[in-house]
Amino acid sequence: MEKICKNLEDTKALAYEFVKNLKGGEVVILQGDLGAGKTTFTQSVAKALGIKEPVTSPTFTLMNLYVGDKLKLYHFDMYRIEDIDEILETGLTEYFGNLDAVCFVEWAENIKPLLPKKLVKISITKLGETERKFVIENID
């Protein structure tokens, strides 16, 4: 699926539509350049899940957990990962597939060998100051 969002309101609407299809256990990888809107989209998904607290990028903590009305949200940021063994030692991948949660992974390419085979991939391209192109696909 491909969608052009002209502003933040369009992005929020897309996030709410996306959440309607979540059952739990999904691993969603977010791809896009710095500033493309990966964290912004995750924040909108969090609101759609009923999460009240502010959602921030876990660049230094690697993972933040948020509890929503429907599902938990594990938000990963793998930007600073240089050695895949770092992730193996932390046990973070044990969260993948948790049926009462959804995992959102930014910079997933840095841990590609550790990702499950079944994924939802969201590619975000910045087209203008507020305009973004979202491509959402299931990967098996």
N, C-alpha and C. Protein backbone atom coordinates (compact mmCIF):
# COMPACT_ATOMS: atom_id res chain seq x y z
N MET A 1 0.84 -1.16 0.00
CA MET A 1 0.00 0.00 0.00
C MET A 1 0.89 1.24 0.00
N GLU A 2 0.51 2.22 -0.79
CA GLU A 2 1.25 3.47 -0.85
C GLU A 2 0.31 4.62 -0.54
N LYS A 3 0.79 5.56 0.28
CA LYS A 3 -0.05 6.69 0.69
C LYS A 3 0.81 7.94 0.80
N ILE A 4 0.31 9.04 0.23
CA ILE A 4 0.95 10.33 0.38
C ILE A 4 0.23 11.08 1.50
N CYS A 5 0.98 11.50 2.49
CA CYS A 5 0.43 12.29 3.60
C CYS A 5 0.94 13.71 3.43
N LYS A 6 0.03 14.64 3.27
CA LYS A 6 0.42 16.03 3.02
C LYS A 6 0.77 16.80 4.28
N ASN A 7 0.32 16.27 5.45
CA ASN A 7 0.57 16.98 6.70
C ASN A 7 0.46 16.00 7.87
N LEU A 8 0.65 16.51 9.07
CA LEU A 8 0.63 15.66 10.27
C LEU A 8 -0.74 15.02 10.48
N GLU A 9 -1.79 15.73 10.14
CA GLU A 9 -3.15 15.18 10.30
C GLU A 9 -3.34 13.95 9.41
N ASP A 10 -2.82 14.00 8.18
CA ASP A 10 -2.89 12.83 7.28
C ASP A 10 -2.09 11.66 7.86
N THR A 11 -0.93 11.98 8.43
CA THR A 11 -0.10 10.94 9.04
C THR A 11 -0.82 10.29 10.22
N LYS A 12 -1.46 11.10 11.04
CA LYS A 12 -2.24 10.56 12.17
C LYS A 12 -3.36 9.67 11.67
N ALA A 13 -4.06 10.10 10.63
CA ALA A 13 -5.15 9.30 10.07
C ALA A 13 -4.63 7.96 9.55
N LEU A 14 -3.47 7.97 8.89
CA LEU A 14 -2.87 6.73 8.40
C LEU A 14 -2.52 5.81 9.57
N ALA A 15 -1.97 6.37 10.63
CA ALA A 15 -1.61 5.58 11.81
C ALA A 15 -2.84 4.92 12.42
N TYR A 16 -3.94 5.65 12.52
CA TYR A 16 -5.17 5.09 13.09
C TYR A 16 -5.70 3.96 12.21
N GLU A 17 -5.61 4.11 10.90
CA GLU A 17 -6.03 3.03 9.99
C GLU A 17 -5.12 1.81 10.15
N PHE A 18 -3.82 2.07 10.28
CA PHE A 18 -2.84 0.99 10.43
C PHE A 18 -3.11 0.19 11.70
N VAL A 19 -3.41 0.88 12.79
CA VAL A 19 -3.64 0.22 14.09
C VAL A 19 -4.85 -0.72 14.03
N LYS A 20 -5.84 -0.38 13.23
CA LYS A 20 -7.04 -1.22 13.12
C LYS A 20 -6.70 -2.66 12.70
N ASN A 21 -5.59 -2.83 11.99
CA ASN A 21 -5.20 -4.15 11.49
C ASN A 21 -4.24 -4.89 12.42
N LEU A 22 -3.79 -4.26 13.48
CA LEU A 22 -2.85 -4.92 14.39
C LEU A 22 -3.56 -5.89 15.31
N LYS A 23 -3.00 -7.09 15.42
CA LYS A 23 -3.57 -8.12 16.28
C LYS A 23 -2.68 -8.41 17.48
N GLY A 24 -1.41 -8.07 17.37
CA GLY A 24 -0.41 -8.39 18.38
C GLY A 24 0.60 -9.37 17.79
N GLY A 25 1.85 -9.18 18.14
CA GLY A 25 2.91 -10.04 17.63
C GLY A 25 3.62 -9.49 16.40
N GLU A 26 3.11 -8.40 15.83
CA GLU A 26 3.73 -7.85 14.63
C GLU A 26 5.07 -7.17 14.97
N VAL A 27 6.00 -7.33 14.05
CA VAL A 27 7.26 -6.59 14.10
C VAL A 27 7.24 -5.67 12.89
N VAL A 28 7.28 -4.37 13.16
CA VAL A 28 7.19 -3.34 12.13
C VAL A 28 8.53 -2.65 12.03
N ILE A 29 9.12 -2.70 10.84
CA ILE A 29 10.38 -1.99 10.66
C ILE A 29 10.09 -0.68 9.92
N LEU A 30 10.72 0.37 10.39
CA LEU A 30 10.54 1.70 9.81
C LEU A 30 11.81 2.11 9.11
N GLN A 31 11.68 2.44 7.84
CA GLN A 31 12.85 2.85 7.06
C GLN A 31 12.65 4.26 6.55
N GLY A 32 13.73 5.02 6.54
CA GLY A 32 13.70 6.38 6.04
C GLY A 32 14.89 7.15 6.57
N ASP A 33 15.23 8.20 5.88
CA ASP A 33 16.35 9.04 6.30
C ASP A 33 16.07 9.71 7.63
N LEU A 34 17.11 10.26 8.25
CA LEU A 34 16.92 11.08 9.45
C LEU A 34 15.93 12.19 9.13
N GLY A 35 14.94 12.37 9.99
CA GLY A 35 13.95 13.42 9.78
C GLY A 35 12.81 13.05 8.85
N ALA A 36 12.77 11.80 8.40
CA ALA A 36 11.71 11.38 7.48
C ALA A 36 10.35 11.28 8.17
N GLY A 37 10.36 10.96 9.47
CA GLY A 37 9.09 10.87 10.19
C GLY A 37 8.84 9.52 10.84
N LYS A 38 9.88 8.74 11.05
CA LYS A 38 9.72 7.41 11.67
C LYS A 38 9.17 7.54 13.10
N THR A 39 9.78 8.39 13.89
CA THR A 39 9.31 8.56 15.27
C THR A 39 7.95 9.25 15.29
N THR A 40 7.73 10.19 14.42
CA THR A 40 6.43 10.87 14.35
C THR A 40 5.32 9.88 14.05
N PHE A 41 5.56 8.97 13.10
CA PHE A 41 4.55 7.96 12.79
C PHE A 41 4.33 7.05 13.99
N THR A 42 5.41 6.66 14.67
CA THR A 42 5.30 5.81 15.85
C THR A 42 4.50 6.52 16.95
N GLN A 43 4.71 7.81 17.11
CA GLN A 43 3.94 8.58 18.09
C GLN A 43 2.45 8.56 17.76
N SER A 44 2.12 8.66 16.49
CA SER A 44 0.71 8.61 16.07
C SER A 44 0.11 7.23 16.29
N VAL A 45 0.89 6.20 16.04
CA VAL A 45 0.43 4.82 16.31
C VAL A 45 0.18 4.66 17.81
N ALA A 46 1.08 5.19 18.62
CA ALA A 46 0.93 5.09 20.07
C ALA A 46 -0.38 5.73 20.53
N LYS A 47 -0.69 6.90 20.01
CA LYS A 47 -1.95 7.55 20.36
C LYS A 47 -3.13 6.70 19.94
N ALA A 48 -3.04 6.10 18.77
CA ALA A 48 -4.12 5.24 18.28
C ALA A 48 -4.29 4.00 19.15
N LEU A 49 -3.21 3.57 19.79
CA LEU A 49 -3.26 2.42 20.71
C LEU A 49 -3.74 2.81 22.10
N GLY A 50 -3.97 4.09 22.32
CA GLY A 50 -4.45 4.56 23.62
C GLY A 50 -3.34 4.87 24.60
N ILE A 51 -2.13 5.04 24.11
CA ILE A 51 -1.00 5.37 24.97
C ILE A 51 -1.05 6.87 25.27
N LYS A 52 -1.02 7.18 26.55
CA LYS A 52 -1.18 8.57 26.99
C LYS A 52 0.15 9.31 27.16
N GLU A 53 1.20 8.57 27.53
CA GLU A 53 2.47 9.22 27.82
C GLU A 53 3.20 9.63 26.54
N PRO A 54 4.10 10.60 26.64
CA PRO A 54 4.86 11.04 25.46
C PRO A 54 5.76 9.91 24.94
N VAL A 55 5.79 9.76 23.65
CA VAL A 55 6.63 8.75 23.00
C VAL A 55 7.84 9.46 22.41
N THR A 56 9.02 9.00 22.81
CA THR A 56 10.26 9.59 22.32
C THR A 56 11.13 8.49 21.71
N SER A 57 12.06 8.90 20.88
CA SER A 57 12.95 7.94 20.25
C SER A 57 13.93 7.39 21.29
N PRO A 58 14.04 6.06 21.37
CA PRO A 58 14.93 5.45 22.36
C PRO A 58 16.36 5.30 21.85
N THR A 59 16.90 6.35 21.28
CA THR A 59 18.23 6.29 20.66
C THR A 59 19.30 5.80 21.64
N PHE A 60 19.25 6.25 22.87
CA PHE A 60 20.30 5.88 23.83
C PHE A 60 19.91 4.70 24.71
N THR A 61 18.62 4.46 24.89
CA THR A 61 18.18 3.34 25.72
C THR A 61 17.90 2.09 24.89
N LEU A 62 17.85 2.21 23.59
CA LEU A 62 17.58 1.15 22.61
C LEU A 62 16.11 0.74 22.53
N MET A 63 15.40 0.73 23.66
CA MET A 63 14.00 0.30 23.62
C MET A 63 13.20 1.01 24.70
N ASN A 64 12.01 1.47 24.32
CA ASN A 64 11.05 2.01 25.27
C ASN A 64 9.79 1.17 25.21
N LEU A 65 9.18 0.95 26.35
CA LEU A 65 7.92 0.20 26.44
C LEU A 65 6.81 1.17 26.80
N TYR A 66 5.70 1.05 26.08
CA TYR A 66 4.51 1.85 26.35
C TYR A 66 3.32 0.89 26.43
N VAL A 67 2.42 1.14 27.36
CA VAL A 67 1.25 0.28 27.52
C VAL A 67 0.01 1.03 27.05
N GLY A 68 -0.66 0.45 26.06
CA GLY A 68 -1.86 1.04 25.50
C GLY A 68 -3.11 0.31 25.95
N ASP A 69 -4.25 0.78 25.48
CA ASP A 69 -5.52 0.15 25.81
C ASP A 69 -5.65 -1.22 25.15
N LYS A 70 -5.13 -1.34 23.94
CA LYS A 70 -5.27 -2.55 23.14
C LYS A 70 -4.02 -3.44 23.23
N LEU A 71 -2.88 -2.83 23.03
CA LEU A 71 -1.61 -3.56 22.97
C LEU A 71 -0.49 -2.74 23.63
N LYS A 72 0.58 -3.43 23.99
CA LYS A 72 1.81 -2.75 24.39
C LYS A 72 2.55 -2.36 23.11
N LEU A 73 3.39 -1.36 23.22
CA LEU A 73 4.23 -0.94 22.12
C LEU A 73 5.68 -0.97 22.58
N TYR A 74 6.47 -1.81 21.92
CA TYR A 74 7.92 -1.81 22.13
C TYR A 74 8.52 -1.00 20.99
N HIS A 75 9.18 0.10 21.33
CA HIS A 75 9.76 1.00 20.33
C HIS A 75 11.28 0.89 20.41
N PHE A 76 11.87 0.34 19.37
CA PHE A 76 13.31 0.13 19.30
C PHE A 76 13.95 1.15 18.37
N ASP A 77 15.16 1.59 18.71
CA ASP A 77 15.95 2.45 17.83
C ASP A 77 17.35 1.84 17.76
N MET A 78 17.69 1.30 16.61
CA MET A 78 18.95 0.59 16.43
C MET A 78 20.01 1.44 15.72
N TYR A 79 19.80 2.76 15.70
CA TYR A 79 20.69 3.68 14.99
C TYR A 79 22.14 3.55 15.43
N ARG A 80 22.37 3.44 16.71
CA ARG A 80 23.74 3.45 17.24
C ARG A 80 24.38 2.06 17.32
N ILE A 81 23.68 1.04 16.88
CA ILE A 81 24.23 -0.31 16.97
C ILE A 81 25.30 -0.52 15.90
N GLU A 82 26.48 -0.89 16.35
CA GLU A 82 27.58 -1.16 15.44
C GLU A 82 27.93 -2.65 15.43
N ASP A 83 27.60 -3.33 16.52
CA ASP A 83 27.95 -4.74 16.66
C ASP A 83 26.69 -5.51 17.06
N ILE A 84 26.29 -6.43 16.24
CA ILE A 84 25.05 -7.17 16.47
C ILE A 84 25.09 -7.96 17.78
N ASP A 85 26.29 -8.30 18.24
CA ASP A 85 26.41 -9.03 19.51
C ASP A 85 25.88 -8.19 20.69
N GLU A 86 25.91 -6.85 20.54
CA GLU A 86 25.36 -5.98 21.58
C GLU A 86 23.90 -6.32 21.83
N ILE A 87 23.16 -6.53 20.76
CA ILE A 87 21.73 -6.82 20.87
C ILE A 87 21.51 -8.22 21.42
N LEU A 88 22.31 -9.16 20.97
CA LEU A 88 22.18 -10.53 21.49
C LEU A 88 22.39 -10.57 22.99
N GLU A 89 23.35 -9.79 23.48
CA GLU A 89 23.64 -9.76 24.92
C GLU A 89 22.52 -9.12 25.73
N THR A 90 21.82 -8.16 25.15
CA THR A 90 20.76 -7.48 25.89
C THR A 90 19.47 -8.29 25.93
N GLY A 91 19.29 -9.20 24.99
CA GLY A 91 18.06 -10.00 24.94
C GLY A 91 16.87 -9.25 24.36
N LEU A 92 17.10 -8.11 23.72
CA LEU A 92 16.00 -7.31 23.20
C LEU A 92 15.16 -8.05 22.16
N THR A 93 15.77 -8.94 21.41
CA THR A 93 15.02 -9.63 20.37
C THR A 93 13.97 -10.59 20.94
N GLU A 94 14.05 -10.87 22.24
CA GLU A 94 13.04 -11.74 22.86
C GLU A 94 11.66 -11.09 22.88
N TYR A 95 11.60 -9.79 22.65
CA TYR A 95 10.32 -9.09 22.60
C TYR A 95 9.60 -9.31 21.27
N PHE A 96 10.35 -9.69 20.22
CA PHE A 96 9.74 -9.88 18.91
C PHE A 96 8.73 -11.01 18.97
N GLY A 97 7.54 -10.75 18.44
CA GLY A 97 6.51 -11.77 18.39
C GLY A 97 5.64 -11.87 19.63
N ASN A 98 5.85 -11.02 20.62
CA ASN A 98 5.04 -11.01 21.83
C ASN A 98 3.59 -10.71 21.43
N LEU A 99 2.67 -11.62 21.72
CA LEU A 99 1.30 -11.53 21.20
C LEU A 99 0.45 -10.43 21.84
N ASP A 100 0.90 -9.87 22.95
CA ASP A 100 0.13 -8.76 23.53
C ASP A 100 0.79 -7.42 23.24
N ALA A 101 1.65 -7.41 22.20
CA ALA A 101 2.39 -6.19 21.88
C ALA A 101 2.68 -6.12 20.38
N VAL A 102 3.12 -4.95 19.98
CA VAL A 102 3.64 -4.74 18.64
C VAL A 102 5.02 -4.10 18.81
N CYS A 103 5.97 -4.50 17.97
CA CYS A 103 7.33 -3.95 18.03
C CYS A 103 7.55 -3.04 16.83
N PHE A 104 7.99 -1.82 17.10
CA PHE A 104 8.37 -0.88 16.05
C PHE A 104 9.87 -0.71 16.12
N VAL A 105 10.57 -0.96 15.01
CA VAL A 105 12.03 -0.94 15.00
C VAL A 105 12.52 0.09 13.98
N GLU A 106 13.16 1.14 14.49
CA GLU A 106 13.82 2.11 13.62
C GLU A 106 15.25 1.66 13.38
N TRP A 107 15.75 1.88 12.19
CA TRP A 107 17.11 1.50 11.78
C TRP A 107 17.31 -0.01 11.91
N ALA A 108 16.30 -0.75 11.49
CA ALA A 108 16.32 -2.22 11.58
C ALA A 108 17.42 -2.84 10.74
N GLU A 109 17.88 -2.14 9.71
CA GLU A 109 18.94 -2.69 8.87
C GLU A 109 20.21 -2.98 9.67
N ASN A 110 20.38 -2.34 10.83
CA ASN A 110 21.56 -2.57 11.67
C ASN A 110 21.49 -3.89 12.43
N ILE A 111 20.32 -4.52 12.46
CA ILE A 111 20.18 -5.81 13.14
C ILE A 111 19.47 -6.83 12.24
N LYS A 112 19.59 -6.64 10.94
CA LYS A 112 18.85 -7.44 9.96
C LYS A 112 18.89 -8.96 10.23
N PRO A 113 20.05 -9.55 10.54
CA PRO A 113 20.06 -11.00 10.76
C PRO A 113 19.23 -11.46 11.96
N LEU A 114 18.91 -10.56 12.87
CA LEU A 114 18.17 -10.93 14.08
C LEU A 114 16.66 -10.76 13.93
N LEU A 115 16.23 -10.16 12.84
CA LEU A 115 14.80 -9.90 12.65
C LEU A 115 14.05 -11.17 12.26
N PRO A 116 12.80 -11.29 12.68
CA PRO A 116 12.00 -12.43 12.24
C PRO A 116 11.75 -12.34 10.73
N LYS A 117 11.40 -13.47 10.12
CA LYS A 117 11.17 -13.47 8.67
C LYS A 117 9.90 -12.73 8.30
N LYS A 118 8.90 -12.81 9.16
CA LYS A 118 7.64 -12.14 8.88
C LYS A 118 7.68 -10.75 9.50
N LEU A 119 7.56 -9.73 8.65
CA LEU A 119 7.67 -8.33 9.07
C LEU A 119 6.63 -7.48 8.37
N VAL A 120 6.37 -6.33 8.93
CA VAL A 120 5.68 -5.26 8.23
C VAL A 120 6.73 -4.18 8.02
N LYS A 121 6.92 -3.81 6.78
CA LYS A 121 7.94 -2.79 6.46
C LYS A 121 7.23 -1.50 6.05
N ILE A 122 7.60 -0.42 6.72
CA ILE A 122 7.06 0.90 6.37
C ILE A 122 8.24 1.78 5.95
N SER A 123 8.23 2.15 4.68
CA SER A 123 9.25 3.05 4.15
C SER A 123 8.65 4.45 4.08
N ILE A 124 9.38 5.42 4.62
CA ILE A 124 8.91 6.80 4.65
C ILE A 124 9.89 7.67 3.89
N THR A 125 9.37 8.42 2.93
CA THR A 125 10.19 9.32 2.13
C THR A 125 9.69 10.74 2.32
N LYS A 126 10.59 11.63 2.64
CA LYS A 126 10.25 13.05 2.81
C LYS A 126 10.14 13.68 1.43
N LEU A 127 8.95 14.21 1.13
CA LEU A 127 8.71 14.84 -0.17
C LEU A 127 8.74 16.36 -0.09
N GLY A 128 8.53 16.89 1.10
CA GLY A 128 8.51 18.33 1.31
C GLY A 128 8.56 18.61 2.79
N GLU A 129 8.33 19.85 3.16
CA GLU A 129 8.39 20.23 4.57
C GLU A 129 7.48 19.36 5.44
N THR A 130 6.24 19.14 5.01
CA THR A 130 5.30 18.33 5.80
C THR A 130 4.79 17.11 5.02
N GLU A 131 5.13 17.01 3.76
CA GLU A 131 4.60 15.92 2.92
C GLU A 131 5.51 14.69 2.95
N ARG A 132 4.90 13.53 3.15
CA ARG A 132 5.63 12.26 3.22
C ARG A 132 4.95 11.20 2.37
N LYS A 133 5.76 10.32 1.81
CA LYS A 133 5.23 9.15 1.10
C LYS A 133 5.48 7.93 1.99
N PHE A 134 4.42 7.20 2.28
CA PHE A 134 4.50 5.98 3.07
C PHE A 134 4.24 4.78 2.15
N VAL A 135 5.12 3.79 2.23
CA VAL A 135 4.90 2.53 1.52
C VAL A 135 4.88 1.45 2.60
N ILE A 136 3.74 0.78 2.71
CA ILE A 136 3.56 -0.26 3.74
C ILE A 136 3.42 -1.60 3.04
N GLU A 137 4.27 -2.56 3.45
CA GLU A 137 4.21 -3.89 2.84
C GLU A 137 4.49 -4.97 3.86
N ASN A 138 3.86 -6.11 3.65
CA ASN A 138 4.11 -7.29 4.48
C ASN A 138 5.25 -8.09 3.85
N ILE A 139 6.18 -8.52 4.66
CA ILE A 139 7.32 -9.30 4.21
C ILE A 139 7.23 -10.67 4.87
N ASP A 140 7.28 -11.71 4.07
CA ASP A 140 7.27 -13.09 4.63
C ASP A 140 8.55 -13.81 4.26
